[in-house]
C-alpha atoms as a PDB file:
ATOM      1  CA  MET A   1      91.843  97.203 104.964  1.00  0.00           C
ATOM      2  CA  PRO A   2      94.557  94.966 103.616  1.00  0.00           C
ATOM      3  CA  LEU A   3      97.180  96.472 101.271  1.00  0.00           C
ATOM      4  CA  GLU A   4      97.937  95.003  98.013  1.00  0.00           C
ATOM      5  CA  ARG A   5     101.530  95.471  96.733  1.00  0.00           C
ATOM      6  CA  MET A   6     101.675  95.357  92.995  1.00  0.00           C
ATOM      7  CA  GLN A   7     104.464  95.226  90.397  1.00  0.00           C
ATOM      8  CA  TYR A   8     104.097  96.123  86.582  1.00  0.00           C
ATOM      9  CA  PRO A   9     107.196  94.807  84.950  1.00  0.00           C
ATOM     10  CA  ASP A  10     105.948  95.514  81.410  1.00  0.00           C
ATOM     11  CA  ILE A  11     104.898  99.063  82.076  1.00  0.00           C
ATOM     12  CA  ALA A  12     107.198 100.474  84.792  1.00  0.00           C
ATOM     13  CA  PRO A  13     109.607  98.097  86.139  1.00  0.00           C
ATOM     14  CA  ALA A  14     110.563  98.668  89.828  1.00  0.00           C
ATOM     15  CA  GLY A  15     113.548  98.036  91.891  1.00  0.00           C
ATOM     16  CA  PRO A  16     114.268  95.139  94.143  1.00  0.00           C
ATOM     17  CA  THR A  17     113.255  97.023  97.464  1.00  0.00           C
ATOM     18  CA  TYR A  18     110.000  98.398  96.722  1.00  0.00           C
ATOM     19  CA  SER A  19     106.649  98.068  95.066  1.00  0.00           C
ATOM     20  CA  ARG A  20     105.619 100.031  91.984  1.00  0.00           C
ATOM     21  CA  ALA A  21     102.312 100.648  93.635  1.00  0.00           C
ATOM     22  CA  VAL A  22     100.073  99.829  96.673  1.00  0.00           C
ATOM     23  CA  LYS A  23      96.481  99.762  96.648  1.00  0.00           C
ATOM     24  CA  ALA A  24      94.546 100.547  99.847  1.00  0.00           C
ATOM     25  CA  GLY A  25      90.822 100.338  99.316  1.00  0.00           C
ATOM     26  CA  ASN A  26      90.190 102.453  96.227  1.00  0.00           C
ATOM     27  CA  THR A  27      93.417 104.343  96.544  1.00  0.00           C
ATOM     28  CA  LEU A  28      96.378 103.549  94.551  1.00  0.00           C
ATOM     29  CA  TYR A  29      99.880 104.986  95.566  1.00  0.00           C
ATOM     30  CA  ILE A  30     102.377 104.742  92.526  1.00  0.00           C
ATOM     31  CA  SER A  31     106.004 105.071  93.542  1.00  0.00           C
ATOM     32  CA  GLY A  32     108.275 107.323  91.686  1.00  0.00           C
ATOM     33  CA  CYS A  33     108.335 106.517  88.023  1.00  0.00           C
ATOM     34  CA  THR A  34     111.016 107.645  85.511  1.00  0.00           C
ATOM     35  CA  ALA A  35     112.050 106.947  81.965  1.00  0.00           C
ATOM     36  CA  ARG A  36     114.635 104.417  83.152  1.00  0.00           C
ATOM     37  CA  GLY A  37     115.469 101.731  80.602  1.00  0.00           C
ATOM     38  CA  THR A  38     113.743 103.615  77.685  1.00  0.00           C
ATOM     39  CA  ASP A  39     115.022 105.405  74.799  1.00  0.00           C
ATOM     40  CA  ALA A  40     114.205 108.616  76.588  1.00  0.00           C
ATOM     41  CA  GLN A  41     116.643 108.040  79.387  1.00  0.00           C
ATOM     42  CA  GLY A  42     119.485 110.671  78.852  1.00  0.00           C
ATOM     43  CA  GLU A  43     117.510 112.710  76.655  1.00  0.00           C
ATOM     44  CA  SER A  44     115.543 115.884  77.188  1.00  0.00           C
ATOM     45  CA  MET A  45     113.357 116.569  80.186  1.00  0.00           C
ATOM     46  CA  MET A  46     110.363 116.746  78.071  1.00  0.00           C
ATOM     47  CA  GLU A  47     111.066 113.383  76.371  1.00  0.00           C
ATOM     48  CA  GLN A  48     111.399 111.905  79.915  1.00  0.00           C
ATOM     49  CA  LEU A  49     108.408 113.657  81.006  1.00  0.00           C
ATOM     50  CA  ASP A  50     106.367 112.155  78.146  1.00  0.00           C
ATOM     51  CA  VAL A  51     107.439 108.508  78.919  1.00  0.00           C
ATOM     52  CA  THR A  52     107.092 108.976  82.593  1.00  0.00           C
ATOM     53  CA  LEU A  53     103.587 110.370  82.392  1.00  0.00           C
ATOM     54  CA  GLY A  54     102.624 107.519  79.890  1.00  0.00           C
ATOM     55  CA  ARG A  55     103.952 104.888  82.468  1.00  0.00           C
ATOM     56  CA  LEU A  56     101.784 106.508  85.213  1.00  0.00           C
ATOM     57  CA  VAL A  57      98.625 106.532  83.270  1.00  0.00           C
ATOM     58  CA  ALA A  58      99.337 102.984  82.055  1.00  0.00           C
ATOM     59  CA  VAL A  59      99.658 101.693  85.598  1.00  0.00           C
ATOM     60  CA  ALA A  60      96.464 103.468  86.576  1.00  0.00           C
ATOM     61  CA  ALA A  61      94.620 101.963  83.671  1.00  0.00           C
ATOM     62  CA  ALA A  62      95.918  98.380  84.664  1.00  0.00           C
ATOM     63  CA  GLU A  63      94.003  99.124  87.846  1.00  0.00           C
ATOM     64  CA  GLY A  64      90.833 100.344  86.061  1.00  0.00           C
ATOM     65  CA  GLY A  65      91.711 104.051  86.519  1.00  0.00           C
ATOM     66  CA  GLY A  66      91.944 106.723  83.936  1.00  0.00           C
ATOM     67  CA  PRO A  67      93.518 110.155  83.450  1.00  0.00           C
ATOM     68  CA  GLY A  68      90.938 111.843  85.523  1.00  0.00           C
ATOM     69  CA  SER A  69      91.591 109.348  88.397  1.00  0.00           C
ATOM     70  CA  PHE A  70      94.815 111.226  89.362  1.00  0.00           C
ATOM     71  CA  ALA A  71      94.364 113.273  92.552  1.00  0.00           C
ATOM     72  CA  LYS A  72      97.903 114.208  93.109  1.00  0.00           C
ATOM     73  CA  ILE A  73     101.262 113.895  91.529  1.00  0.00           C
ATOM     74  CA  THR A  74     104.712 115.005  92.877  1.00  0.00           C
ATOM     75  CA  CYS A  75     107.402 115.841  90.255  1.00  0.00           C
ATOM     76  CA  PHE A  76     110.993 115.566  91.240  1.00  0.00           C
ATOM     77  CA  VAL A  77     113.321 117.186  88.658  1.00  0.00           C
ATOM     78  CA  THR A  78     117.105 117.975  88.764  1.00  0.00           C
ATOM     79  CA  SER A  79     116.625 121.423  87.480  1.00  0.00           C
ATOM     80  CA  ILE A  80     113.499 123.507  87.609  1.00  0.00           C
ATOM     81  CA  ALA A  81     115.132 126.064  85.179  1.00  0.00           C
ATOM     82  CA  ASP A  82     115.736 123.277  82.559  1.00  0.00           C
ATOM     83  CA  TYR A  83     112.222 121.807  83.348  1.00  0.00           C
ATOM     84  CA  GLN A  84     110.475 125.080  82.654  1.00  0.00           C
ATOM     85  CA  LEU A  85     112.462 125.939  79.444  1.00  0.00           C
ATOM     86  CA  ASP A  86     109.755 124.618  77.184  1.00  0.00           C
ATOM     87  CA  SER A  87     106.585 125.425  79.161  1.00  0.00           C
ATOM     88  CA  GLN A  88     104.350 124.877  75.986  1.00  0.00           C
ATOM     89  CA  ALA A  89     105.732 121.277  75.380  1.00  0.00           C
ATOM     90  CA  GLN A  90     105.145 120.709  79.292  1.00  0.00           C
ATOM     91  CA  LYS A  91     101.428 121.948  78.966  1.00  0.00           C
ATOM     92  CA  ASP A  92     100.925 119.997  75.852  1.00  0.00           C
ATOM     93  CA  LEU A  93     102.248 116.689  77.455  1.00  0.00           C
ATOM     94  CA  PHE A  94     100.059 117.157  80.591  1.00  0.00           C
ATOM     95  CA  ALA A  95      97.102 117.853  78.320  1.00  0.00           C
ATOM     96  CA  LYS A  96      97.853 114.642  76.229  1.00  0.00           C
ATOM     97  CA  HIS A  97      98.265 112.296  79.208  1.00  0.00           C
ATOM     98  CA  PHE A  98      95.642 113.844  81.507  1.00  0.00           C
ATOM     99  CA  ASP A  99      92.993 114.782  79.001  1.00  0.00           C
ATOM    100  CA  GLU A 100      93.041 118.235  80.746  1.00  0.00           C
ATOM    101  CA  GLN A 101      91.714 116.685  83.773  1.00  0.00           C
ATOM    102  CA  TYR A 102      94.945 117.807  85.866  1.00  0.00           C
ATOM    103  CA  PRO A 103      95.779 116.391  89.232  1.00  0.00           C
ATOM    104  CA  ALA A 104      97.041 118.523  92.122  1.00  0.00           C
ATOM    105  CA  ASN A 105     100.804 118.761  91.492  1.00  0.00           C
ATOM    106  CA  SER A 106     103.952 119.754  93.350  1.00  0.00           C
ATOM    107  CA  LEU A 107     107.196 120.433  91.697  1.00  0.00           C
ATOM    108  CA  ILE A 108     110.506 119.684  93.702  1.00  0.00           C
ATOM    109  CA  GLU A 109     114.014 120.196  92.682  1.00  0.00           C
ATOM    110  CA  ILE A 110     116.534 117.682  93.781  1.00  0.00           C
ATOM    111  CA  SER A 111     120.279 117.215  93.184  1.00  0.00           C
ATOM    112  CA  ALA A 112     120.073 113.812  91.391  1.00  0.00           C
ATOM    113  CA  LEU A 113     118.017 110.831  90.623  1.00  0.00           C
ATOM    114  CA  ALA A 114     118.979 107.086  91.100  1.00  0.00           C
ATOM    115  CA  GLU A 115     120.690 106.838  87.718  1.00  0.00           C
ATOM    116  CA  PRO A 116     122.881 109.080  85.397  1.00  0.00           C
ATOM    117  CA  GLY A 117     120.522 110.407  82.478  1.00  0.00           C
ATOM    118  CA  LEU A 118     117.470 110.621  84.719  1.00  0.00           C
ATOM    119  CA  ASP A 119     116.067 114.047  85.410  1.00  0.00           C
ATOM    120  CA  VAL A 120     112.375 113.503  85.998  1.00  0.00           C
ATOM    121  CA  GLU A 121     110.631 111.437  88.386  1.00  0.00           C
ATOM    122  CA  ILE A 122     106.961 111.438  89.259  1.00  0.00           C
ATOM    123  CA  GLU A 123     104.896 109.707  92.101  1.00  0.00           C
ATOM    124  CA  ALA A 124     101.242 109.759  92.166  1.00  0.00           C
ATOM    125  CA  VAL A 125      97.988 109.163  94.080  1.00  0.00           C
ATOM    126  CA  VAL A 126      95.182 107.699  92.134  1.00  0.00           C
ATOM    127  CA  ILE A 127      91.558 107.470  93.301  1.00  0.00           C
ATOM    128  CA  LEU A 128      89.976 104.234  91.523  1.00  0.00           C
ATOM    129  CA  ASP A 129      86.237 103.866  90.762  1.00  0.00           C
ATOM    130  CA  GLN A 130      85.916 107.391  89.270  1.00  0.00           C
END
């Protein structure tokens, strides 16, 4: 099965050394998305989460997927304590972007992301044709 390597510069620009997504059959692997280059960069984790989830859903939609197509996400945050400060906002954002069709989800704390002002990065596995 050939791999398709895709970029989405208008949705979630990728760096020069990786693809934003790789499709293998009906599985779409989306590399880590952040709020980089948006007004949310440097703002609260919930503002970054909103932009990041929106970007992921938009990439999936560009390939024919929807909120219910997400099988798994992995969330990397610079502080789990800060991320969980407003659990209601977090729940509301996940409900908004996934239409309450939640994927499997892992949360991992890391020391830093690629640029200052980025505190949330999420990668995803999407099953298309759902």
